[in-house]
Amino acid sequence: MTAAPRAAESPVHAFTVDFEDWFHGLEIDAADWGGFESRVAVGTDRLLDLLAAAGARATFFVLGAAAESAPGLVREIAARGHEIATHGYGHGFVSRMGPEAFRADLERSLEVLAGLVPAPVRGFRAPYFSIRRGTGWAFEILRECGIRYDSSVFPVRNYRYGIPEAPRWAHETGAGIVELPPSTWRLGGANLPVAGGAYFRLYPYIVTHFGLRRIAAEGHPAVFYLHPWELDPEHPRIPMPRRIAWTHYLNLARTGKRLRRLLSDFPFTTAAEVLAARGWPLAGSPETG
């Protein structure tokens, strides 16, 4: 694995969005999704307004199933200048699929997105960050399907995801895919996730702010991530295991205010643009032609 040289100036960070509805990540059987109220537009509209007010651009890792239910919203995201990448189709764990099922899921998602946006899809993020040890075969499939970068390998230890010893910064995998990991802050010999999701709602804002400043001080861009439903505290509450319910519903009412402050404190752009600035132009992406 090789890393690109560091930029001399303070980097612009990558803002990424896992575009999915509130129920997609709760490990509910896909056959039951139709029984839940779709609210993906609620959080997405709020997020698009916040990004526009800050003059920021983002990469939306779009779940194919969500795109099918809200095609106009995906077109609007692209029309506003944001990058469209893929989150797969059915929000399954890559580590549980196997190569054939993963390829079919990825190709289905790319087919959906090809009918909605003109630009080629170059980025991928696995649901649940589920490219883990033993799933290196996924990178070759990504490459064969036209994907040029991945943002799935979280260098942390979590009960559902993570490779703690994985590189913290953008690097090239052996399959020719550039890996852009979600950001961590190295503290006490361990990697502390500080850039998004439940961690953004769990920690006081100062932890996220300091973590991103430390990452920039080391000469690297941070990779922040969020879900639209995190800006929709009114979305339904359903019974689920306590650990999942706690992280899913924690501090949702505070997300909007914190995000407004984050977008004021730091500059953000798309993942593809961040990679291009670091020496990895992605052929065919909106940022590189």
C-alpha atoms as a PDB file:
ATOM      1  CA  MET A   1       0.000   0.000   0.000  1.00  0.00           C
ATOM      2  CA  THR A   2       1.314   3.428  -0.914  1.00  0.00           C
ATOM      3  CA  ALA A   3       0.215   6.813   0.376  1.00  0.00           C
ATOM      4  CA  ALA A   4       0.135   9.999  -1.648  1.00  0.00           C
ATOM      5  CA  PRO A   5       2.407  12.863  -0.566  1.00  0.00           C
ATOM      6  CA  ARG A   6       0.908  15.289   1.929  1.00  0.00           C
ATOM      7  CA  ALA A   7      -0.352  18.650   0.758  1.00  0.00           C
ATOM      8  CA  ALA A   8       1.479  21.647   2.184  1.00  0.00           C
ATOM      9  CA  GLU A   9      -1.650  23.707   2.809  1.00  0.00           C
ATOM     10  CA  SER A  10      -4.397  22.958   5.298  1.00  0.00           C
ATOM     11  CA  PRO A  11      -6.616  20.397   3.560  1.00  0.00           C
ATOM     12  CA  VAL A  12     -10.270  20.669   2.641  1.00  0.00           C
ATOM     13  CA  HIS A  13     -12.193  17.800   4.210  1.00  0.00           C
ATOM     14  CA  ALA A  14     -14.529  15.262   2.625  1.00  0.00           C
ATOM     15  CA  PHE A  15     -18.197  15.395   3.586  1.00  0.00           C
ATOM     16  CA  THR A  16     -19.930  12.090   2.903  1.00  0.00           C
ATOM     17  CA  VAL A  17     -23.527  10.986   3.273  1.00  0.00           C
ATOM     18  CA  ASP A  18     -24.916   7.469   3.480  1.00  0.00           C
ATOM     19  CA  PHE A  19     -28.153   8.118   1.583  1.00  0.00           C
ATOM     20  CA  GLU A  20     -30.679   5.676   2.992  1.00  0.00           C
ATOM     21  CA  ASP A  21     -33.972   5.764   4.866  1.00  0.00           C
ATOM     22  CA  TRP A  22     -34.180   5.510   8.648  1.00  0.00           C
ATOM     23  CA  PHE A  23     -35.048   1.801   8.627  1.00  0.00           C
ATOM     24  CA  HIS A  24     -32.488   0.564   6.098  1.00  0.00           C
ATOM     25  CA  GLY A  25     -29.637   0.215   8.584  1.00  0.00           C
ATOM     26  CA  LEU A  26     -31.613  -1.473  11.364  1.00  0.00           C
ATOM     27  CA  GLU A  27     -31.141  -5.033  10.052  1.00  0.00           C
ATOM     28  CA  ILE A  28     -34.828  -5.316   9.235  1.00  0.00           C
ATOM     29  CA  ASP A  29     -35.719  -7.850   6.556  1.00  0.00           C
ATOM     30  CA  ALA A  30     -35.991  -6.061   3.209  1.00  0.00           C
ATOM     31  CA  ALA A  31     -39.332  -7.760   2.638  1.00  0.00           C
ATOM     32  CA  ASP A  32     -40.715  -5.659   5.511  1.00  0.00           C
ATOM     33  CA  TRP A  33     -39.398  -2.267   4.341  1.00  0.00           C
ATOM     34  CA  GLY A  34     -42.662  -1.442   2.612  1.00  0.00           C
ATOM     35  CA  GLY A  35     -44.437  -1.366   5.951  1.00  0.00           C
ATOM     36  CA  PHE A  36     -42.462   1.630   7.214  1.00  0.00           C
ATOM     37  CA  GLU A  37     -42.972   5.310   6.502  1.00  0.00           C
ATOM     38  CA  SER A  38     -40.395   6.685   4.092  1.00  0.00           C
ATOM     39  CA  ARG A  39     -38.832   9.907   5.381  1.00  0.00           C
ATOM     40  CA  VAL A  40     -35.589  10.063   3.440  1.00  0.00           C
ATOM     41  CA  ALA A  41     -36.642  13.373   1.849  1.00  0.00           C
ATOM     42  CA  VAL A  42     -37.119  15.052   5.237  1.00  0.00           C
ATOM     43  CA  GLY A  43     -33.524  14.761   6.401  1.00  0.00           C
ATOM     44  CA  THR A  44     -32.068  15.110   2.917  1.00  0.00           C
ATOM     45  CA  ASP A  45     -33.846  18.404   2.260  1.00  0.00           C
ATOM     46  CA  ARG A  46     -32.541  19.766   5.558  1.00  0.00           C
ATOM     47  CA  LEU A  47     -29.040  18.560   4.774  1.00  0.00           C
ATOM     48  CA  LEU A  48     -29.027  20.043   1.264  1.00  0.00           C
ATOM     49  CA  ASP A  49     -30.071  23.401   2.670  1.00  0.00           C
ATOM     50  CA  LEU A  50     -27.292  23.319   5.291  1.00  0.00           C
ATOM     51  CA  LEU A  51     -24.673  22.383   2.695  1.00  0.00           C
ATOM     52  CA  ALA A  52     -25.867  25.126   0.338  1.00  0.00           C
ATOM     53  CA  ALA A  53     -25.776  27.750   3.092  1.00  0.00           C
ATOM     54  CA  ALA A  54     -22.180  26.799   3.865  1.00  0.00           C
ATOM     55  CA  GLY A  55     -21.100  26.597   0.224  1.00  0.00           C
ATOM     56  CA  ALA A  56     -20.076  22.975   0.789  1.00  0.00           C
ATOM     57  CA  ARG A  57     -20.288  19.991  -1.529  1.00  0.00           C
ATOM     58  CA  ALA A  58     -20.620  16.365  -0.508  1.00  0.00           C
ATOM     59  CA  THR A  59     -20.467  12.806  -1.738  1.00  0.00           C
ATOM     60  CA  PHE A  60     -23.734  10.916  -1.370  1.00  0.00           C
ATOM     61  CA  PHE A  61     -23.246   7.151  -1.150  1.00  0.00           C
ATOM     62  CA  VAL A  62     -26.698   6.269  -2.459  1.00  0.00           C
ATOM     63  CA  LEU A  63     -28.417   3.019  -1.535  1.00  0.00           C
ATOM     64  CA  GLY A  64     -30.017   1.580  -4.655  1.00  0.00           C
ATOM     65  CA  ALA A  65     -33.257   0.683  -2.898  1.00  0.00           C
ATOM     66  CA  ALA A  66     -33.546   4.246  -1.561  1.00  0.00           C
ATOM     67  CA  ALA A  67     -32.851   5.683  -5.009  1.00  0.00           C
ATOM     68  CA  GLU A  68     -35.667   3.615  -6.486  1.00  0.00           C
ATOM     69  CA  SER A  69     -38.105   5.036  -3.934  1.00  0.00           C
ATOM     70  CA  ALA A  70     -36.916   8.650  -4.330  1.00  0.00           C
ATOM     71  CA  PRO A  71     -35.452   9.046  -7.847  1.00  0.00           C
ATOM     72  CA  GLY A  72     -36.262  12.757  -8.070  1.00  0.00           C
ATOM     73  CA  LEU A  73     -34.356  13.415  -4.874  1.00  0.00           C
ATOM     74  CA  VAL A  74     -31.242  11.688  -6.223  1.00  0.00           C
ATOM     75  CA  ARG A  75     -31.466  13.793  -9.382  1.00  0.00           C
ATOM     76  CA  GLU A  76     -31.773  16.936  -7.271  1.00  0.00           C
ATOM     77  CA  ILE A  77     -28.702  16.003  -5.223  1.00  0.00           C
ATOM     78  CA  ALA A  78     -26.668  15.641  -8.412  1.00  0.00           C
ATOM     79  CA  ALA A  79     -28.131  18.846  -9.887  1.00  0.00           C
ATOM     80  CA  ARG A  80     -26.908  20.749  -6.831  1.00  0.00           C
ATOM     81  CA  GLY A  81     -23.332  19.745  -7.650  1.00  0.00           C
ATOM     82  CA  HIS A  82     -22.846  16.884  -5.218  1.00  0.00           C
ATOM     83  CA  GLU A  83     -21.124  13.643  -6.145  1.00  0.00           C
ATOM     84  CA  ILE A  84     -23.220  10.490  -6.483  1.00  0.00           C
ATOM     85  CA  ALA A  85     -21.524   7.284  -5.354  1.00  0.00           C
ATOM     86  CA  THR A  86     -22.982   3.896  -4.438  1.00  0.00           C
ATOM     87  CA  HIS A  87     -23.890   2.307  -1.109  1.00  0.00           C
ATOM     88  CA  GLY A  88     -24.869  -0.958  -2.770  1.00  0.00           C
ATOM     89  CA  TYR A  89     -28.478  -1.908  -3.373  1.00  0.00           C
ATOM     90  CA  GLY A  90     -29.975  -3.797  -0.436  1.00  0.00           C
ATOM     91  CA  HIS A  91     -27.928  -2.673   2.594  1.00  0.00           C
ATOM     92  CA  GLY A  92     -26.486  -6.100   3.305  1.00  0.00           C
ATOM     93  CA  PHE A  93     -23.233  -6.917   5.058  1.00  0.00           C
ATOM     94  CA  VAL A  94     -20.526  -7.498   2.446  1.00  0.00           C
ATOM     95  CA  SER A  95     -18.873  -9.873   4.914  1.00  0.00           C
ATOM     96  CA  ARG A  96     -21.995 -12.074   4.827  1.00  0.00           C
ATOM     97  CA  MET A  97     -22.724 -11.947   1.088  1.00  0.00           C
ATOM     98  CA  GLY A  98     -19.882 -13.718  -0.615  1.00  0.00           C
ATOM     99  CA  PRO A  99     -18.439 -12.658  -3.997  1.00  0.00           C
ATOM    100  CA  GLU A 100     -21.344 -13.607  -6.281  1.00  0.00           C
ATOM    101  CA  ALA A 101     -24.060 -11.996  -4.170  1.00  0.00           C
ATOM    102  CA  PHE A 102     -21.918  -8.901  -3.649  1.00  0.00           C
ATOM    103  CA  ARG A 103     -21.333  -8.463  -7.371  1.00  0.00           C
ATOM    104  CA  ALA A 104     -25.055  -8.835  -8.097  1.00  0.00           C
ATOM    105  CA  ASP A 105     -25.959  -6.290  -5.406  1.00  0.00           C
ATOM    106  CA  LEU A 106     -23.351  -3.800  -6.641  1.00  0.00           C
ATOM    107  CA  GLU A 107     -24.335  -4.156 -10.293  1.00  0.00           C
ATOM    108  CA  ARG A 108     -28.002  -3.665  -9.427  1.00  0.00           C
ATOM    109  CA  SER A 109     -27.180  -0.448  -7.571  1.00  0.00           C
ATOM    110  CA  LEU A 110     -25.092   0.860 -10.458  1.00  0.00           C
ATOM    111  CA  GLU A 111     -27.880   0.096 -12.907  1.00  0.00           C
ATOM    112  CA  VAL A 112     -30.345   2.107 -10.806  1.00  0.00           C
ATOM    113  CA  LEU A 113     -27.987   5.078 -10.536  1.00  0.00           C
ATOM    114  CA  ALA A 114     -27.115   5.004 -14.245  1.00  0.00           C
ATOM    115  CA  GLY A 115     -30.771   5.706 -14.982  1.00  0.00           C
ATOM    116  CA  LEU A 116     -30.802   8.760 -12.717  1.00  0.00           C
ATOM    117  CA  VAL A 117     -27.527  10.651 -13.133  1.00  0.00           C
ATOM    118  CA  PRO A 118     -25.274  11.144 -16.180  1.00  0.00           C
ATOM    119  CA  ALA A 119     -21.893  11.083 -14.434  1.00  0.00           C
ATOM    120  CA  PRO A 120     -20.208   7.703 -13.928  1.00  0.00           C
ATOM    121  CA  VAL A 121     -20.247   6.344 -10.393  1.00  0.00           C
ATOM    122  CA  ARG A 122     -16.680   6.031  -9.088  1.00  0.00           C
ATOM    123  CA  GLY A 123     -17.073   5.616  -5.311  1.00  0.00           C
ATOM    124  CA  PHE A 124     -18.429   2.906  -3.022  1.00  0.00           C
ATOM    125  CA  ARG A 125     -19.121   2.568   0.678  1.00  0.00           C
ATOM    126  CA  ALA A 126     -20.237  -0.745   2.108  1.00  0.00           C
ATOM    127  CA  PRO A 127     -23.287  -0.807   4.369  1.00  0.00           C
ATOM    128  CA  TYR A 128     -22.155  -1.086   8.005  1.00  0.00           C
ATOM    129  CA  PHE A 129     -18.550  -0.427   6.821  1.00  0.00           C
ATOM    130  CA  SER A 130     -18.598  -4.189   6.283  1.00  0.00           C
ATOM    131  CA  ILE A 131     -15.453  -4.727   4.232  1.00  0.00           C
ATOM    132  CA  ARG A 132     -13.519  -6.461   6.972  1.00  0.00           C
ATOM    133  CA  ARG A 133     -10.746  -9.029   7.284  1.00  0.00           C
ATOM    134  CA  GLY A 134     -11.344 -11.822   4.803  1.00  0.00           C
ATOM    135  CA  THR A 135     -13.307  -9.717   2.310  1.00  0.00           C
ATOM    136  CA  GLY A 136     -10.403  -8.423   0.230  1.00  0.00           C
ATOM    137  CA  TRP A 137     -12.016 -10.084  -2.786  1.00  0.00           C
ATOM    138  CA  ALA A 138     -14.523  -7.206  -2.784  1.00  0.00           C
ATOM    139  CA  PHE A 139     -11.895  -4.750  -4.075  1.00  0.00           C
ATOM    140  CA  GLU A 140     -11.337  -6.716  -7.267  1.00  0.00           C
ATOM    141  CA  ILE A 141     -15.085  -6.833  -7.906  1.00  0.00           C
ATOM    142  CA  LEU A 142     -15.338  -3.078  -7.296  1.00  0.00           C
ATOM    143  CA  ARG A 143     -12.594  -2.462  -9.837  1.00  0.00           C
ATOM    144  CA  GLU A 144     -14.190  -4.729 -12.427  1.00  0.00           C
ATOM    145  CA  CYS A 145     -17.482  -2.826 -12.022  1.00  0.00           C
ATOM    146  CA  GLY A 146     -15.847   0.554 -12.657  1.00  0.00           C
ATOM    147  CA  ILE A 147     -15.437   1.712  -9.052  1.00  0.00           C
ATOM    148  CA  ARG A 148     -12.220   3.646  -8.415  1.00  0.00           C
ATOM    149  CA  TYR A 149     -12.326   4.375  -4.687  1.00  0.00           C
ATOM    150  CA  ASP A 150     -13.805   2.836  -1.563  1.00  0.00           C
ATOM    151  CA  SER A 151     -14.655   4.309   1.846  1.00  0.00           C
ATOM    152  CA  SER A 152     -15.579   1.192   3.802  1.00  0.00           C
ATOM    153  CA  VAL A 153     -12.569   0.157   5.858  1.00  0.00           C
ATOM    154  CA  PHE A 154     -12.954   1.821   9.259  1.00  0.00           C
ATOM    155  CA  PRO A 155      -9.666   1.566  11.210  1.00  0.00           C
ATOM    156  CA  VAL A 156     -11.424   0.980  14.544  1.00  0.00           C
ATOM    157  CA  ARG A 157     -12.648  -1.919  16.649  1.00  0.00           C
ATOM    158  CA  ASN A 158     -16.430  -2.278  16.648  1.00  0.00           C
ATOM    159  CA  TYR A 159     -18.679  -5.242  17.199  1.00  0.00           C
ATOM    160  CA  ARG A 160     -20.075  -4.923  13.644  1.00  0.00           C
ATOM    161  CA  TYR A 161     -17.185  -3.503  11.637  1.00  0.00           C
ATOM    162  CA  GLY A 162     -13.609  -2.311  11.569  1.00  0.00           C
ATOM    163  CA  ILE A 163     -10.001  -3.317  10.934  1.00  0.00           C
ATOM    164  CA  PRO A 164      -8.129  -1.570  13.771  1.00  0.00           C
ATOM    165  CA  GLU A 165      -4.703  -1.946  12.183  1.00  0.00           C
ATOM    166  CA  ALA A 166      -5.756  -0.621   8.768  1.00  0.00           C
ATOM    167  CA  PRO A 167      -4.132   2.631   7.580  1.00  0.00           C
ATOM    168  CA  ARG A 168      -5.831   5.785   8.834  1.00  0.00           C
ATOM    169  CA  TRP A 169      -5.148   7.778   5.677  1.00  0.00           C
ATOM    170  CA  ALA A 170      -6.024   7.398   2.009  1.00  0.00           C
ATOM    171  CA  HIS A 171      -4.024   4.611   0.406  1.00  0.00           C
ATOM    172  CA  GLU A 172      -4.090   2.294  -2.572  1.00  0.00           C
ATOM    173  CA  THR A 173      -5.211  -1.287  -2.136  1.00  0.00           C
ATOM    174  CA  GLY A 174      -3.620  -4.189  -3.952  1.00  0.00           C
ATOM    175  CA  ALA A 175      -6.566  -4.338  -6.358  1.00  0.00           C
ATOM    176  CA  GLY A 176      -6.019  -0.805  -7.659  1.00  0.00           C
ATOM    177  CA  ILE A 177      -8.786   0.730  -5.570  1.00  0.00           C
ATOM    178  CA  VAL A 178      -8.002   3.824  -3.506  1.00  0.00           C
ATOM    179  CA  GLU A 179      -9.244   3.445   0.072  1.00  0.00           C
ATOM    180  CA  LEU A 180     -10.496   6.621   1.789  1.00  0.00           C
ATOM    181  CA  PRO A 181     -11.208   5.564   5.379  1.00  0.00           C
ATOM    182  CA  PRO A 182     -13.563   7.392   7.747  1.00  0.00           C
ATOM    183  CA  SER A 183     -11.462   9.546  10.044  1.00  0.00           C
ATOM    184  CA  THR A 184     -10.055   8.682  13.431  1.00  0.00           C
ATOM    185  CA  TRP A 185      -7.963  10.446  16.044  1.00  0.00           C
ATOM    186  CA  ARG A 186      -5.003   8.482  17.393  1.00  0.00           C
ATOM    187  CA  LEU A 187      -5.253   8.601  21.175  1.00  0.00           C
ATOM    188  CA  GLY A 188      -3.574   6.408  23.771  1.00  0.00           C
ATOM    189  CA  GLY A 189      -2.458   3.828  21.228  1.00  0.00           C
ATOM    190  CA  ALA A 190      -5.962   3.383  19.781  1.00  0.00           C
ATOM    191  CA  ASN A 191      -7.983   4.975  16.971  1.00  0.00           C
ATOM    192  CA  LEU A 192     -10.914   7.045  18.220  1.00  0.00           C
ATOM    193  CA  PRO A 193     -13.667   7.590  15.616  1.00  0.00           C
ATOM    194  CA  VAL A 194     -14.336  11.327  15.589  1.00  0.00           C
ATOM    195  CA  ALA A 195     -15.906  12.179  12.265  1.00  0.00           C
ATOM    196  CA  GLY A 196     -19.547  11.393  12.018  1.00  0.00           C
ATOM    197  CA  GLY A 197     -22.534   9.194  12.559  1.00  0.00           C
ATOM    198  CA  ALA A 198     -23.438   8.207  16.102  1.00  0.00           C
ATOM    199  CA  TYR A 199     -20.027   9.438  17.262  1.00  0.00           C
ATOM    200  CA  PHE A 200     -20.943  12.973  16.167  1.00  0.00           C
ATOM    201  CA  ARG A 201     -24.052  12.764  18.343  1.00  0.00           C
ATOM    202  CA  LEU A 202     -22.417  10.896  21.237  1.00  0.00           C
ATOM    203  CA  TYR A 203     -19.373  13.098  21.873  1.00  0.00           C
ATOM    204  CA  PRO A 204     -19.513  16.780  22.818  1.00  0.00           C
ATOM    205  CA  TYR A 205     -18.961  18.916  19.722  1.00  0.00           C
ATOM    206  CA  ILE A 206     -15.516  19.949  20.966  1.00  0.00           C
ATOM    207  CA  VAL A 207     -14.278  16.358  20.503  1.00  0.00           C
ATOM    208  CA  THR A 208     -15.208  16.370  16.810  1.00  0.00           C
ATOM    209  CA  HIS A 209     -13.776  19.861  16.371  1.00  0.00           C
ATOM    210  CA  PHE A 210     -10.480  18.995  18.047  1.00  0.00           C
ATOM    211  CA  GLY A 211     -10.247  15.670  16.217  1.00  0.00           C
ATOM    212  CA  LEU A 212     -10.606  17.312  12.807  1.00  0.00           C
ATOM    213  CA  ARG A 213      -8.076  19.979  13.769  1.00  0.00           C
ATOM    214  CA  ARG A 214      -5.576  17.287  14.784  1.00  0.00           C
ATOM    215  CA  ILE A 215      -6.115  15.435  11.513  1.00  0.00           C
ATOM    216  CA  ALA A 216      -5.535  18.636   9.532  1.00  0.00           C
ATOM    217  CA  ALA A 217      -2.435  19.399  11.624  1.00  0.00           C
ATOM    218  CA  GLU A 218      -1.024  16.060  10.488  1.00  0.00           C
ATOM    219  CA  GLY A 219      -1.508  17.229   6.901  1.00  0.00           C
ATOM    220  CA  HIS A 220      -4.501  15.087   6.000  1.00  0.00           C
ATOM    221  CA  PRO A 221      -8.128  15.739   5.089  1.00  0.00           C
ATOM    222  CA  ALA A 222     -10.780  14.328   7.386  1.00  0.00           C
ATOM    223  CA  VAL A 223     -13.600  12.129   6.092  1.00  0.00           C
ATOM    224  CA  PHE A 224     -16.870  13.007   7.818  1.00  0.00           C
ATOM    225  CA  TYR A 225     -20.068  11.007   7.373  1.00  0.00           C
ATOM    226  CA  LEU A 226     -23.766  11.383   8.208  1.00  0.00           C
ATOM    227  CA  HIS A 227     -27.166   9.866   7.387  1.00  0.00           C
ATOM    228  CA  PRO A 228     -30.193  11.950   6.353  1.00  0.00           C
ATOM    229  CA  TRP A 229     -32.318  10.458   9.160  1.00  0.00           C
ATOM    230  CA  GLU A 230     -29.912  11.971  11.711  1.00  0.00           C
ATOM    231  CA  LEU A 231     -31.453  15.333  10.773  1.00  0.00           C
ATOM    232  CA  ASP A 232     -34.980  13.983  11.268  1.00  0.00           C
ATOM    233  CA  PRO A 233     -35.574  13.473  15.008  1.00  0.00           C
ATOM    234  CA  GLU A 234     -39.291  13.009  14.321  1.00  0.00           C
ATOM    235  CA  HIS A 235     -38.830   9.761  12.392  1.00  0.00           C
ATOM    236  CA  PRO A 236     -40.628   6.721  13.866  1.00  0.00           C
ATOM    237  CA  ARG A 237     -39.386   4.872  16.930  1.00  0.00           C
ATOM    238  CA  ILE A 238     -39.752   1.123  16.837  1.00  0.00           C
ATOM    239  CA  PRO A 239     -38.754  -1.650  19.278  1.00  0.00           C
ATOM    240  CA  MET A 240     -35.211  -2.888  18.724  1.00  0.00           C
ATOM    241  CA  PRO A 241     -32.266  -4.182  20.791  1.00  0.00           C
ATOM    242  CA  ARG A 242     -31.187  -1.607  23.378  1.00  0.00           C
ATOM    243  CA  ARG A 243     -27.653  -1.140  22.034  1.00  0.00           C
ATOM    244  CA  ILE A 244     -28.946  -0.419  18.519  1.00  0.00           C
ATOM    245  CA  ALA A 245     -31.782   1.816  19.731  1.00  0.00           C
ATOM    246  CA  TRP A 246     -29.422   3.826  21.908  1.00  0.00           C
ATOM    247  CA  THR A 247     -26.977   4.647  19.119  1.00  0.00           C
ATOM    248  CA  HIS A 248     -29.714   5.184  16.516  1.00  0.00           C
ATOM    249  CA  TYR A 249     -31.855   7.638  18.483  1.00  0.00           C
ATOM    250  CA  LEU A 250     -29.207   9.322  20.637  1.00  0.00           C
ATOM    251  CA  ASN A 251     -29.216  13.155  20.496  1.00  0.00           C
ATOM    252  CA  LEU A 252     -30.979  13.372  17.138  1.00  0.00           C
ATOM    253  CA  ALA A 253     -32.459  16.744  18.073  1.00  0.00           C
ATOM    254  CA  ARG A 254     -28.941  18.193  18.368  1.00  0.00           C
ATOM    255  CA  THR A 255     -27.598  17.068  14.998  1.00  0.00           C
ATOM    256  CA  GLY A 256     -28.776  20.074  12.984  1.00  0.00           C
ATOM    257  CA  LYS A 257     -27.267  22.668  15.298  1.00  0.00           C
ATOM    258  CA  ARG A 258     -23.985  20.772  15.565  1.00  0.00           C
ATOM    259  CA  LEU A 259     -23.798  20.269  11.830  1.00  0.00           C
ATOM    260  CA  ARG A 260     -24.394  23.949  11.132  1.00  0.00           C
ATOM    261  CA  ARG A 261     -21.488  24.746  13.430  1.00  0.00           C
ATOM    262  CA  LEU A 262     -19.245  22.122  11.831  1.00  0.00           C
ATOM    263  CA  LEU A 263     -19.913  23.469   8.352  1.00  0.00           C
ATOM    264  CA  SER A 264     -19.050  26.947   9.610  1.00  0.00           C
ATOM    265  CA  ASP A 265     -15.815  25.798  11.253  1.00  0.00           C
ATOM    266  CA  PHE A 266     -14.369  23.627   8.459  1.00  0.00           C
ATOM    267  CA  PRO A 267     -14.343  23.589   4.636  1.00  0.00           C
ATOM    268  CA  PHE A 268     -15.840  20.516   2.951  1.00  0.00           C
ATOM    269  CA  THR A 269     -16.054  19.093  -0.558  1.00  0.00           C
ATOM    270  CA  THR A 270     -16.613  15.744  -2.265  1.00  0.00           C
ATOM    271  CA  ALA A 271     -14.565  12.620  -1.694  1.00  0.00           C
ATOM    272  CA  ALA A 272     -13.523  12.561  -5.360  1.00  0.00           C
ATOM    273  CA  GLU A 273     -12.245  16.131  -5.169  1.00  0.00           C
ATOM    274  CA  VAL A 274     -10.328  15.406  -1.974  1.00  0.00           C
ATOM    275  CA  LEU A 275      -8.671  12.399  -3.594  1.00  0.00           C
ATOM    276  CA  ALA A 276      -7.803  14.366  -6.720  1.00  0.00           C
ATOM    277  CA  ALA A 277      -6.181  17.045  -4.556  1.00  0.00           C
ATOM    278  CA  ARG A 278      -4.107  14.325  -2.874  1.00  0.00           C
ATOM    279  CA  GLY A 279      -2.775  13.000  -6.172  1.00  0.00           C
ATOM    280  CA  TRP A 280      -5.404  10.405  -7.055  1.00  0.00           C
ATOM    281  CA  PRO A 281      -7.493  11.851  -9.911  1.00  0.00           C
ATOM    282  CA  LEU A 282     -10.377   9.531 -10.718  1.00  0.00           C
ATOM    283  CA  ALA A 283     -10.851   9.247 -14.459  1.00  0.00           C
ATOM    284  CA  GLY A 284     -14.379  10.112 -15.471  1.00  0.00           C
ATOM    285  CA  SER A 285     -15.396  11.745 -12.189  1.00  0.00           C
ATOM    286  CA  PRO A 286     -17.163  15.125 -12.262  1.00  0.00           C
ATOM    287  CA  GLU A 287     -14.155  16.750 -10.622  1.00  0.00           C
ATOM    288  CA  THR A 288     -11.573  15.480 -13.108  1.00  0.00           C
ATOM    289  CA  GLY A 289     -13.467  15.211 -16.382  1.00  0.00           C
END
